[in-house]
PDB file of N, CA and C in Angstrom:
ATOM      1  N   ASN A   1      -8.588  15.368   1.417  1.00  0.00           N
ATOM      2  CA  ASN A   1     -10.000  15.552   1.169  1.00  0.00           C
ATOM      3  C   ASN A   1     -10.783  14.234   1.238  1.00  0.00           C
ATOM      4  N   ARG A   2     -10.096  13.125   1.558  1.00  0.00           N
ATOM      5  CA  ARG A   2     -10.784  11.837   1.650  1.00  0.00           C
ATOM      6  C   ARG A   2     -10.870  11.340   3.092  1.00  0.00           C
ATOM      7  N   PHE A   3     -10.528  12.197   4.066  1.00  0.00           N
ATOM      8  CA  PHE A   3     -10.535  11.761   5.454  1.00  0.00           C
ATOM      9  C   PHE A   3     -11.918  11.350   5.932  1.00  0.00           C
ATOM     10  N   GLY A   4     -12.966  11.884   5.332  1.00  0.00           N
ATOM     11  CA  GLY A   4     -14.322  11.554   5.738  1.00  0.00           C
ATOM     12  C   GLY A   4     -14.796  10.203   5.222  1.00  0.00           C
ATOM     13  N   GLU A   5     -14.065   9.627   4.279  1.00  0.00           N
ATOM     14  CA  GLU A   5     -14.466   8.337   3.723  1.00  0.00           C
ATOM     15  C   GLU A   5     -14.076   7.206   4.676  1.00  0.00           C
ATOM     16  N   PRO A   6     -14.871   6.156   4.697  1.00  0.00           N
ATOM     17  CA  PRO A   6     -14.461   5.011   5.523  1.00  0.00           C
ATOM     18  C   PRO A   6     -13.195   4.387   4.936  1.00  0.00           C
ATOM     19  N   PRO A   7     -12.289   3.928   5.796  1.00  0.00           N
ATOM     20  CA  PRO A   7     -11.044   3.354   5.274  1.00  0.00           C
ATOM     21  C   PRO A   7     -11.288   2.004   4.609  1.00  0.00           C
ATOM     22  N   ALA A   8     -10.467   1.702   3.633  1.00  0.00           N
ATOM     23  CA  ALA A   8     -10.527   0.388   2.997  1.00  0.00           C
ATOM     24  C   ALA A   8     -10.063  -0.647   4.017  1.00  0.00           C
ATOM     25  N   THR A   9     -10.699  -1.794   3.998  1.00  0.00           N
ATOM     26  CA  THR A   9     -10.331  -2.844   4.940  1.00  0.00           C
ATOM     27  C   THR A   9      -9.865  -4.116   4.251  1.00  0.00           C
ATOM     28  N   ARG A  10     -10.002  -4.159   2.932  1.00  0.00           N
ATOM     29  CA  ARG A  10      -9.595  -5.353   2.181  1.00  0.00           C
ATOM     30  C   ARG A  10      -8.801  -4.938   0.948  1.00  0.00           C
ATOM     31  N   ALA A  11      -7.638  -5.550   0.794  1.00  0.00           N
ATOM     32  CA  ALA A  11      -6.779  -5.217  -0.347  1.00  0.00           C
ATOM     33  C   ALA A  11      -7.448  -5.552  -1.664  1.00  0.00           C
ATOM     34  N   ASP A  12      -8.208  -6.636  -1.718  1.00  0.00           N
ATOM     35  CA  ASP A  12      -8.824  -7.010  -2.998  1.00  0.00           C
ATOM     36  C   ASP A  12      -9.837  -5.968  -3.461  1.00  0.00           C
ATOM     37  N   GLU A  13     -10.506  -5.295  -2.537  1.00  0.00           N
ATOM     38  CA  GLU A  13     -11.429  -4.230  -2.918  1.00  0.00           C
ATOM     39  C   GLU A  13     -10.663  -3.042  -3.510  1.00  0.00           C
ATOM     40  N   VAL A  14      -9.537  -2.712  -2.909  1.00  0.00           N
ATOM     41  CA  VAL A  14      -8.717  -1.613  -3.404  1.00  0.00           C
ATOM     42  C   VAL A  14      -8.182  -1.962  -4.795  1.00  0.00           C
ATOM     43  N   VAL A  15      -7.696  -3.187  -4.945  1.00  0.00           N
ATOM     44  CA  VAL A  15      -7.138  -3.623  -6.226  1.00  0.00           C
ATOM     45  C   VAL A  15      -8.213  -3.612  -7.316  1.00  0.00           C
ATOM     46  N   ASP A  16      -9.411  -4.087  -6.997  1.00  0.00           N
ATOM     47  CA  ASP A  16     -10.489  -4.073  -7.992  1.00  0.00           C
ATOM     48  C   ASP A  16     -10.811  -2.656  -8.448  1.00  0.00           C
ATOM     49  N   GLU A  17     -10.900  -1.729  -7.505  1.00  0.00           N
ATOM     50  CA  GLU A  17     -11.195  -0.340  -7.861  1.00  0.00           C
ATOM     51  C   GLU A  17     -10.061   0.259  -8.699  1.00  0.00           C
ATOM     52  N   LEU A  18      -8.825  -0.001  -8.285  1.00  0.00           N
ATOM     53  CA  LEU A  18      -7.689   0.508  -9.045  1.00  0.00           C
ATOM     54  C   LEU A  18      -7.642  -0.092 -10.451  1.00  0.00           C
ATOM     55  N   ALA A  19      -7.927  -1.377 -10.564  1.00  0.00           N
ATOM     56  CA  ALA A  19      -7.912  -2.027 -11.882  1.00  0.00           C
ATOM     57  C   ALA A  19      -8.948  -1.380 -12.800  1.00  0.00           C
ATOM     58  N   ASP A  20     -10.142  -1.141 -12.275  1.00  0.00           N
ATOM     59  CA  ASP A  20     -11.172  -0.483 -13.085  1.00  0.00           C
ATOM     60  C   ASP A  20     -10.691   0.877 -13.582  1.00  0.00           C
ATOM     61  N   ARG A  21     -10.127   1.667 -12.682  1.00  0.00           N
ATOM     62  CA  ARG A  21      -9.667   3.008 -13.057  1.00  0.00           C
ATOM     63  C   ARG A  21      -8.497   2.954 -14.034  1.00  0.00           C
ATOM     64  N   MET A  22      -7.582   2.028 -13.790  1.00  0.00           N
ATOM     65  CA  MET A  22      -6.426   1.902 -14.684  1.00  0.00           C
ATOM     66  C   MET A  22      -6.862   1.479 -16.082  1.00  0.00           C
ATOM     67  N   LEU A  23      -7.807   0.570 -16.170  1.00  0.00           N
ATOM     68  CA  LEU A  23      -8.263   0.121 -17.490  1.00  0.00           C
ATOM     69  C   LEU A  23      -8.972   1.237 -18.246  1.00  0.00           C
ATOM     70  N   GLU A  24      -9.707   2.085 -17.530  1.00  0.00           N
ATOM     71  CA  GLU A  24     -10.338   3.237 -18.177  1.00  0.00           C
ATOM     72  C   GLU A  24      -9.279   4.155 -18.774  1.00  0.00           C
ATOM     73  N   ARG A  25      -8.246   4.430 -18.026  1.00  0.00           N
ATOM     74  CA  ARG A  25      -7.190   5.324 -18.494  1.00  0.00           C
ATOM     75  C   ARG A  25      -6.308   4.669 -19.534  1.00  0.00           C
ATOM     76  N   ALA A  26      -6.096   3.365 -19.411  1.00  0.00           N
ATOM     77  CA  ALA A  26      -5.202   2.649 -20.328  1.00  0.00           C
ATOM     78  C   ALA A  26      -5.763   2.605 -21.738  1.00  0.00           C
ATOM     79  N   ALA A  27      -7.061   2.776 -21.882  1.00  0.00           N
ATOM     80  CA  ALA A  27      -7.663   2.763 -23.220  1.00  0.00           C
ATOM     81  C   ALA A  27      -7.092   3.876 -24.090  1.00  0.00           C
ATOM     82  N   HIS A  28      -6.567   4.926 -23.471  1.00  0.00           N
ATOM     83  CA  HIS A  28      -6.041   6.076 -24.214  1.00  0.00           C
ATOM     84  C   HIS A  28      -4.511   6.120 -24.238  1.00  0.00           C
ATOM     85  N   HIS A  29      -3.881   5.119 -23.654  1.00  0.00           N
ATOM     86  CA  HIS A  29      -2.417   5.104 -23.567  1.00  0.00           C
ATOM     87  C   HIS A  29      -1.891   3.725 -23.960  1.00  0.00           C
ATOM     88  N   PRO A  30      -0.905   3.682 -24.824  1.00  0.00           N
ATOM     89  CA  PRO A  30      -0.415   2.386 -25.291  1.00  0.00           C
ATOM     90  C   PRO A  30       0.417   1.626 -24.254  1.00  0.00           C
ATOM     91  N   ARG A  31       0.993   2.338 -23.300  1.00  0.00           N
ATOM     92  CA  ARG A  31       1.854   1.684 -22.303  1.00  0.00           C
ATOM     93  C   ARG A  31       1.349   1.961 -20.904  1.00  0.00           C
ATOM     94  N   MET A  32       1.583   0.995 -20.018  1.00  0.00           N
ATOM     95  CA  MET A  32       1.172   1.154 -18.624  1.00  0.00           C
ATOM     96  C   MET A  32       2.322   0.677 -17.731  1.00  0.00           C
ATOM     97  N   VAL A  33       2.713   1.531 -16.790  1.00  0.00           N
ATOM     98  CA  VAL A  33       3.768   1.216 -15.841  1.00  0.00           C
ATOM     99  C   VAL A  33       3.219   1.461 -14.446  1.00  0.00           C
ATOM    100  N   LEU A  34       3.481   0.539 -13.532  1.00  0.00           N
ATOM    101  CA  LEU A  34       3.028   0.681 -12.153  1.00  0.00           C
ATOM    102  C   LEU A  34       4.227   0.894 -11.245  1.00  0.00           C
ATOM    103  N   PHE A  35       4.056   1.743 -10.256  1.00  0.00           N
ATOM    104  CA  PHE A  35       5.068   1.936  -9.213  1.00  0.00           C
ATOM    105  C   PHE A  35       4.361   1.884  -7.875  1.00  0.00           C
ATOM    106  N   GLY A  36       4.910   1.130  -6.949  1.00  0.00           N
ATOM    107  CA  GLY A  36       4.358   1.073  -5.606  1.00  0.00           C
ATOM    108  C   GLY A  36       5.466   1.110  -4.576  1.00  0.00           C
ATOM    109  N   HIS A  37       5.248   1.851  -3.512  1.00  0.00           N
ATOM    110  CA  HIS A  37       6.228   1.976  -2.429  1.00  0.00           C
ATOM    111  C   HIS A  37       5.591   1.487  -1.139  1.00  0.00           C
ATOM    112  N   SER A  38       6.305   0.632  -0.415  1.00  0.00           N
ATOM    113  CA  SER A  38       5.847   0.093   0.858  1.00  0.00           C
ATOM    114  C   SER A  38       4.574  -0.730   0.632  1.00  0.00           C
ATOM    115  N   MET A  39       3.480  -0.402   1.312  1.00  0.00           N
ATOM    116  CA  MET A  39       2.249  -1.149   1.085  1.00  0.00           C
ATOM    117  C   MET A  39       1.789  -1.008  -0.366  1.00  0.00           C
ATOM    118  N   GLY A  40       2.102   0.111  -0.983  1.00  0.00           N
ATOM    119  CA  GLY A  40       1.766   0.307  -2.391  1.00  0.00           C
ATOM    120  C   GLY A  40       2.481  -0.677  -3.299  1.00  0.00           C
ATOM    121  N   ALA A  41       3.650  -1.169  -2.874  1.00  0.00           N
ATOM    122  CA  ALA A  41       4.353  -2.184  -3.657  1.00  0.00           C
ATOM    123  C   ALA A  41       3.552  -3.474  -3.696  1.00  0.00           C
ATOM    124  N   LEU A  42       2.997  -3.846  -2.559  1.00  0.00           N
ATOM    125  CA  LEU A  42       2.167  -5.051  -2.505  1.00  0.00           C
ATOM    126  C   LEU A  42       0.886  -4.858  -3.314  1.00  0.00           C
ATOM    127  N   LEU A  43       0.271  -3.689  -3.189  1.00  0.00           N
ATOM    128  CA  LEU A  43      -0.927  -3.406  -3.981  1.00  0.00           C
ATOM    129  C   LEU A  43      -0.598  -3.384  -5.478  1.00  0.00           C
ATOM    130  N   GLY A  44       0.547  -2.827  -5.833  1.00  0.00           N
ATOM    131  CA  GLY A  44       0.964  -2.810  -7.231  1.00  0.00           C
ATOM    132  C   GLY A  44       1.161  -4.217  -7.777  1.00  0.00           C
ATOM    133  N   TYR A  45       1.729  -5.087  -6.969  1.00  0.00           N
ATOM    134  CA  TYR A  45       1.927  -6.483  -7.365  1.00  0.00           C
ATOM    135  C   TYR A  45       0.573  -7.148  -7.622  1.00  0.00           C
ATOM    136  N   GLU A  46      -0.354  -6.971  -6.690  1.00  0.00           N
ATOM    137  CA  GLU A  46      -1.694  -7.555  -6.853  1.00  0.00           C
ATOM    138  C   GLU A  46      -2.430  -6.908  -8.028  1.00  0.00           C
ATOM    139  N   LEU A  47      -2.242  -5.609  -8.208  1.00  0.00           N
ATOM    140  CA  LEU A  47      -2.872  -4.908  -9.320  1.00  0.00           C
ATOM    141  C   LEU A  47      -2.337  -5.425 -10.656  1.00  0.00           C
ATOM    142  N   ALA A  48      -1.042  -5.678 -10.733  1.00  0.00           N
ATOM    143  CA  ALA A  48      -0.466  -6.221 -11.968  1.00  0.00           C
ATOM    144  C   ALA A  48      -1.111  -7.563 -12.313  1.00  0.00           C
ATOM    145  N   HIS A  49      -1.327  -8.400 -11.302  1.00  0.00           N
ATOM    146  CA  HIS A  49      -1.995  -9.687 -11.531  1.00  0.00           C
ATOM    147  C   HIS A  49      -3.445  -9.478 -11.982  1.00  0.00           C
ATOM    148  N   ALA A  50      -4.134  -8.554 -11.344  1.00  0.00           N
ATOM    149  CA  ALA A  50      -5.538  -8.304 -11.699  1.00  0.00           C
ATOM    150  C   ALA A  50      -5.654  -7.760 -13.120  1.00  0.00           C
ATOM    151  N   LEU A  51      -4.775  -6.854 -13.495  1.00  0.00           N
ATOM    152  CA  LEU A  51      -4.809  -6.298 -14.850  1.00  0.00           C
ATOM    153  C   LEU A  51      -4.471  -7.373 -15.883  1.00  0.00           C
ATOM    154  N   THR A  52      -3.512  -8.211 -15.571  1.00  0.00           N
ATOM    155  CA  THR A  52      -3.153  -9.301 -16.473  1.00  0.00           C
ATOM    156  C   THR A  52      -4.333 -10.246 -16.664  1.00  0.00           C
ATOM    157  N   ALA A  53      -5.026 -10.559 -15.576  1.00  0.00           N
ATOM    158  CA  ALA A  53      -6.197 -11.442 -15.657  1.00  0.00           C
ATOM    159  C   ALA A  53      -7.311 -10.815 -16.488  1.00  0.00           C
ATOM    160  N   ARG A  54      -7.335  -9.486 -16.549  1.00  0.00           N
ATOM    161  CA  ARG A  54      -8.352  -8.776 -17.338  1.00  0.00           C
ATOM    162  C   ARG A  54      -7.877  -8.500 -18.765  1.00  0.00           C
ATOM    163  N   GLY A  55      -6.716  -9.042 -19.125  1.00  0.00           N
ATOM    164  CA  GLY A  55      -6.252  -8.917 -20.497  1.00  0.00           C
ATOM    165  C   GLY A  55      -5.381  -7.718 -20.797  1.00  0.00           C
ATOM    166  N   ARG A  56      -4.958  -6.964 -19.796  1.00  0.00           N
ATOM    167  CA  ARG A  56      -4.136  -5.761 -20.036  1.00  0.00           C
ATOM    168  C   ARG A  56      -2.995  -5.719 -19.022  1.00  0.00           C
ATOM    169  N   ALA A  57      -1.981  -6.524 -19.270  1.00  0.00           N
ATOM    170  CA  ALA A  57      -0.824  -6.567 -18.367  1.00  0.00           C
ATOM    171  C   ALA A  57      -0.043  -5.261 -18.443  1.00  0.00           C
ATOM    172  N   PRO A  58       0.459  -4.777 -17.308  1.00  0.00           N
ATOM    173  CA  PRO A  58       1.305  -3.581 -17.368  1.00  0.00           C
ATOM    174  C   PRO A  58       2.636  -3.919 -18.025  1.00  0.00           C
ATOM    175  N   ASP A  59       3.267  -2.916 -18.613  1.00  0.00           N
ATOM    176  CA  ASP A  59       4.571  -3.111 -19.238  1.00  0.00           C
ATOM    177  C   ASP A  59       5.656  -3.347 -18.194  1.00  0.00           C
ATOM    178  N   HIS A  60       5.529  -2.676 -17.067  1.00  0.00           N
ATOM    179  CA  HIS A  60       6.512  -2.819 -15.984  1.00  0.00           C
ATOM    180  C   HIS A  60       5.817  -2.621 -14.645  1.00  0.00           C
ATOM    181  N   LEU A  61       6.392  -3.255 -13.621  1.00  0.00           N
ATOM    182  CA  LEU A  61       6.008  -3.008 -12.236  1.00  0.00           C
ATOM    183  C   LEU A  61       7.286  -2.708 -11.482  1.00  0.00           C
ATOM    184  N   PHE A  62       7.350  -1.536 -10.874  1.00  0.00           N
ATOM    185  CA  PHE A  62       8.471  -1.158 -10.029  1.00  0.00           C
ATOM    186  C   PHE A  62       7.970  -1.133  -8.589  1.00  0.00           C
ATOM    187  N   ALA A  63       8.615  -1.906  -7.741  1.00  0.00           N
ATOM    188  CA  ALA A  63       8.202  -2.001  -6.342  1.00  0.00           C
ATOM    189  C   ALA A  63       9.388  -1.656  -5.452  1.00  0.00           C
ATOM    190  N   SER A  64       9.131  -0.859  -4.417  1.00  0.00           N
ATOM    191  CA  SER A  64      10.197  -0.499  -3.483  1.00  0.00           C
ATOM    192  C   SER A  64       9.688  -0.591  -2.051  1.00  0.00           C
ATOM    193  N   ALA A  65      10.624  -0.826  -1.154  1.00  0.00           N
ATOM    194  CA  ALA A  65      10.373  -0.807   0.290  1.00  0.00           C
ATOM    195  C   ALA A  65       9.359  -1.849   0.749  1.00  0.00           C
ATOM    196  N   HIS A  66       9.389  -3.017   0.116  1.00  0.00           N
ATOM    197  CA  HIS A  66       8.547  -4.137   0.562  1.00  0.00           C
ATOM    198  C   HIS A  66       9.249  -5.419   0.164  1.00  0.00           C
ATOM    199  N   ARG A  67       9.190  -6.428   0.983  1.00  0.00           N
ATOM    200  CA  ARG A  67       9.808  -7.709   0.652  1.00  0.00           C
ATOM    201  C   ARG A  67       9.063  -8.364  -0.501  1.00  0.00           C
ATOM    202  N   ALA A  68       9.728  -9.235  -1.193  1.00  0.00           N
ATOM    203  CA  ALA A  68       9.073  -9.968  -2.278  1.00  0.00           C
ATOM    204  C   ALA A  68       7.988 -10.874  -1.694  1.00  0.00           C
ATOM    205  N   PRO A  69       6.859 -11.012  -2.367  1.00  0.00           N
ATOM    206  CA  PRO A  69       5.769 -11.846  -1.848  1.00  0.00           C
ATOM    207  C   PRO A  69       6.170 -13.300  -1.609  1.00  0.00           C
ATOM    208  N   SER A  70       7.208 -13.766  -2.290  1.00  0.00           N
ATOM    209  CA  SER A  70       7.641 -15.155  -2.126  1.00  0.00           C
ATOM    210  C   SER A  70       8.487 -15.376  -0.870  1.00  0.00           C
ATOM    211  N   LEU A  71       8.919 -14.300  -0.220  1.00  0.00           N
ATOM    212  CA  LEU A  71       9.751 -14.425   0.978  1.00  0.00           C
ATOM    213  C   LEU A  71       8.878 -14.587   2.227  1.00  0.00           C
ATOM    214  N   PRO A  72       9.441 -15.231   3.266  1.00  0.00           N
ATOM    215  CA  PRO A  72       8.662 -15.399   4.502  1.00  0.00           C
ATOM    216  C   PRO A  72       8.260 -14.056   5.094  1.00  0.00           C
ATOM    217  N   ARG A  73       7.100 -14.049   5.673  1.00  0.00           N
ATOM    218  CA  ARG A  73       6.594 -12.825   6.296  1.00  0.00           C
ATOM    219  C   ARG A  73       7.207 -12.648   7.668  1.00  0.00           C
ATOM    220  N   GLY A  74       7.265 -11.401   8.096  1.00  0.00           N
ATOM    221  CA  GLY A  74       7.703 -11.086   9.452  1.00  0.00           C
ATOM    222  C   GLY A  74       6.495 -11.167  10.383  1.00  0.00           C
ATOM    223  N   ARG A  75       6.479 -10.328  11.367  1.00  0.00           N
ATOM    224  CA  ARG A  75       5.348 -10.292  12.303  1.00  0.00           C
ATOM    225  C   ARG A  75       4.096  -9.854  11.578  1.00  0.00           C
ATOM    226  N   ASP A  76       3.019 -10.583  11.780  1.00  0.00           N
ATOM    227  CA  ASP A  76       1.738 -10.222  11.179  1.00  0.00           C
ATOM    228  C   ASP A  76       0.860  -9.429  12.133  1.00  0.00           C
ATOM    229  N   ASP A  77       1.255  -9.362  13.389  1.00  0.00           N
ATOM    230  CA  ASP A  77       0.371  -8.785  14.393  1.00  0.00           C
ATOM    231  C   ASP A  77       0.843  -7.434  14.914  1.00  0.00           C
ATOM    232  N   VAL A  78       1.718  -6.764  14.189  1.00  0.00           N
ATOM    233  CA  VAL A  78       2.248  -5.485  14.657  1.00  0.00           C
ATOM    234  C   VAL A  78       1.120  -4.505  14.941  1.00  0.00           C
ATOM    235  N   HIS A  79       0.092  -4.502  14.112  1.00  0.00           N
ATOM    236  CA  HIS A  79      -1.018  -3.559  14.286  1.00  0.00           C
ATOM    237  C   HIS A  79      -1.813  -3.823  15.572  1.00  0.00           C
ATOM    238  N   ARG A  80      -1.596  -4.971  16.193  1.00  0.00           N
ATOM    239  CA  ARG A  80      -2.311  -5.303  17.430  1.00  0.00           C
ATOM    240  C   ARG A  80      -1.507  -4.975  18.688  1.00  0.00           C
ATOM    241  N   LEU A  81      -0.299  -4.474  18.517  1.00  0.00           N
ATOM    242  CA  LEU A  81       0.522  -4.123  19.670  1.00  0.00           C
ATOM    243  C   LEU A  81      -0.133  -2.995  20.469  1.00  0.00           C
ATOM    244  N   PRO A  82       0.091  -2.970  21.770  1.00  0.00           N
ATOM    245  CA  PRO A  82      -0.356  -1.801  22.542  1.00  0.00           C
ATOM    246  C   PRO A  82       0.283  -0.536  21.965  1.00  0.00           C
ATOM    247  N   ARG A  83      -0.389   0.564  22.132  1.00  0.00           N
ATOM    248  CA  ARG A  83       0.019   1.831  21.506  1.00  0.00           C
ATOM    249  C   ARG A  83       1.504   2.142  21.709  1.00  0.00           C
ATOM    250  N   GLU A  84       1.996   2.042  22.941  1.00  0.00           N
ATOM    251  CA  GLU A  84       3.384   2.399  23.227  1.00  0.00           C
ATOM    252  C   GLU A  84       4.355   1.474  22.485  1.00  0.00           C
ATOM    253  N   GLU A  85       4.029   0.179  22.433  1.00  0.00           N
ATOM    254  CA  GLU A  85       4.898  -0.764  21.730  1.00  0.00           C
ATOM    255  C   GLU A  85       4.852  -0.534  20.221  1.00  0.00           C
ATOM    256  N   LEU A  86       3.690  -0.173  19.709  1.00  0.00           N
ATOM    257  CA  LEU A  86       3.559   0.104  18.286  1.00  0.00           C
ATOM    258  C   LEU A  86       4.373   1.335  17.912  1.00  0.00           C
ATOM    259  N   VAL A  87       4.302   2.370  18.714  1.00  0.00           N
ATOM    260  CA  VAL A  87       5.081   3.586  18.451  1.00  0.00           C
ATOM    261  C   VAL A  87       6.574   3.261  18.521  1.00  0.00           C
ATOM    262  N   ALA A  88       6.989   2.452  19.489  1.00  0.00           N
ATOM    263  CA  ALA A  88       8.401   2.059  19.591  1.00  0.00           C
ATOM    264  C   ALA A  88       8.820   1.269  18.345  1.00  0.00           C
ATOM    265  N   HIS A  89       7.943   0.407  17.870  1.00  0.00           N
ATOM    266  CA  HIS A  89       8.224  -0.362  16.650  1.00  0.00           C
ATOM    267  C   HIS A  89       8.383   0.583  15.450  1.00  0.00           C
ATOM    268  N   LEU A  90       7.488   1.556  15.331  1.00  0.00           N
ATOM    269  CA  LEU A  90       7.590   2.528  14.237  1.00  0.00           C
ATOM    270  C   LEU A  90       8.888   3.323  14.324  1.00  0.00           C
ATOM    271  N   MET A  91       9.298   3.663  15.538  1.00  0.00           N
ATOM    272  CA  MET A  91      10.551   4.407  15.713  1.00  0.00           C
ATOM    273  C   MET A  91      11.738   3.561  15.259  1.00  0.00           C
ATOM    274  N   ARG A  92      11.722   2.271  15.595  1.00  0.00           N
ATOM    275  CA  ARG A  92      12.817   1.385  15.189  1.00  0.00           C
ATOM    276  C   ARG A  92      12.879   1.238  13.668  1.00  0.00           C
ATOM    277  N   MET A  93      11.747   1.283  13.012  1.00  0.00           N
ATOM    278  CA  MET A  93      11.718   1.141  11.558  1.00  0.00           C
ATOM    279  C   MET A  93      12.280   2.373  10.858  1.00  0.00           C
ATOM    280  N   GLU A  94      12.245   3.519  11.516  1.00  0.00           N
ATOM    281  CA  GLU A  94      12.776   4.783  10.998  1.00  0.00           C
ATOM    282  C   GLU A  94      12.135   5.212   9.685  1.00  0.00           C
ATOM    283  N   GLY A  95      10.852   4.861   9.487  1.00  0.00           N
ATOM    284  CA  GLY A  95      10.155   5.254   8.275  1.00  0.00           C
ATOM    285  C   GLY A  95       9.161   6.377   8.496  1.00  0.00           C
ATOM    286  N   THR A  96       9.002   6.799   9.736  1.00  0.00           N
ATOM    287  CA  THR A  96       8.071   7.868  10.084  1.00  0.00           C
ATOM    288  C   THR A  96       8.856   8.974  10.767  1.00  0.00           C
ATOM    289  N   GLN A  97       8.614  10.198  10.345  1.00  0.00           N
ATOM    290  CA  GLN A  97       9.327  11.323  10.933  1.00  0.00           C
ATOM    291  C   GLN A  97       9.090  11.376  12.444  1.00  0.00           C
ATOM    292  N   PRO A  98      10.146  11.557  13.237  1.00  0.00           N
ATOM    293  CA  PRO A  98       9.988  11.635  14.691  1.00  0.00           C
ATOM    294  C   PRO A  98       8.996  12.715  15.129  1.00  0.00           C
ATOM    295  N   GLU A  99       8.910  13.813  14.347  1.00  0.00           N
ATOM    296  CA  GLU A  99       7.964  14.886  14.694  1.00  0.00           C
ATOM    297  C   GLU A  99       6.519  14.393  14.624  1.00  0.00           C
ATOM    298  N   VAL A 100       6.229  13.494  13.701  1.00  0.00           N
ATOM    299  CA  VAL A 100       4.879  12.933  13.593  1.00  0.00           C
ATOM    300  C   VAL A 100       4.586  12.064  14.803  1.00  0.00           C
ATOM    301  N   LEU A 101       5.553  11.229  15.173  1.00  0.00           N
ATOM    302  CA  LEU A 101       5.355  10.339  16.323  1.00  0.00           C
ATOM    303  C   LEU A 101       5.269  11.111  17.633  1.00  0.00           C
ATOM    304  N   ALA A 102       5.882  12.296  17.680  1.00  0.00           N
ATOM    305  CA  ALA A 102       5.864  13.104  18.906  1.00  0.00           C
ATOM    306  C   ALA A 102       4.633  13.997  19.003  1.00  0.00           C
ATOM    307  N   HIS A 103       3.894  14.178  17.920  1.00  0.00           N
ATOM    308  CA  HIS A 103       2.728  15.064  17.913  1.00  0.00           C
ATOM    309  C   HIS A 103       1.469  14.219  18.109  1.00  0.00           C
ATOM    310  N   PRO A 104       0.779  14.370  19.255  1.00  0.00           N
ATOM    311  CA  PRO A 104      -0.364  13.492  19.567  1.00  0.00           C
ATOM    312  C   PRO A 104      -1.433  13.436  18.491  1.00  0.00           C
ATOM    313  N   ASP A 105      -1.809  14.569  17.909  1.00  0.00           N
ATOM    314  CA  ASP A 105      -2.871  14.570  16.891  1.00  0.00           C
ATOM    315  C   ASP A 105      -2.424  13.846  15.611  1.00  0.00           C
ATOM    316  N   LEU A 106      -1.193  14.112  15.191  1.00  0.00           N
ATOM    317  CA  LEU A 106      -0.683  13.439  13.997  1.00  0.00           C
ATOM    318  C   LEU A 106      -0.515  11.928  14.251  1.00  0.00           C
ATOM    319  N   LEU A 107      -0.068  11.591  15.444  1.00  0.00           N
ATOM    320  CA  LEU A 107       0.080  10.176  15.779  1.00  0.00           C
ATOM    321  C   LEU A 107      -1.263   9.465  15.786  1.00  0.00           C
ATOM    322  N   ASP A 108      -2.288  10.114  16.334  1.00  0.00           N
ATOM    323  CA  ASP A 108      -3.630   9.536  16.311  1.00  0.00           C
ATOM    324  C   ASP A 108      -4.096   9.305  14.875  1.00  0.00           C
ATOM    325  N   LEU A 109      -3.834  10.270  14.016  1.00  0.00           N
ATOM    326  CA  LEU A 109      -4.225  10.150  12.608  1.00  0.00           C
ATOM    327  C   LEU A 109      -3.477   8.997  11.948  1.00  0.00           C
ATOM    328  N   LEU A 110      -2.195   8.891  12.210  1.00  0.00           N
ATOM    329  CA  LEU A 110      -1.385   7.828  11.646  1.00  0.00           C
ATOM    330  C   LEU A 110      -1.863   6.457  12.128  1.00  0.00           C
ATOM    331  N   LEU A 111      -2.087   6.350  13.421  1.00  0.00           N
ATOM    332  CA  LEU A 111      -2.504   5.049  13.968  1.00  0.00           C
ATOM    333  C   LEU A 111      -3.933   4.719  13.572  1.00  0.00           C
TER     334      LEU A 111
END
């Protein structure tokens, strides 16, 4: 139901919005735990820092399917690959169902 919204283009904007929402909800809960998977792991890491800076550190952060921020980065330009090379890269990563990559409309939505 959010497909009509413009996509976020900056992680700090997403983190700020999430921090605001989390702090509203945290007022009614004594504990806060964050979980992030893939890109969500990176956002969760940044969100934990933002919440800590605002005086409400989460009790735990669980991150999966993303390298630690302290490790060297891989390719930064994957999103700039030509369509065919990008799809081949996604296939090699094995994180997207082959049926999605084979369906033109779903692939367009994903890309």
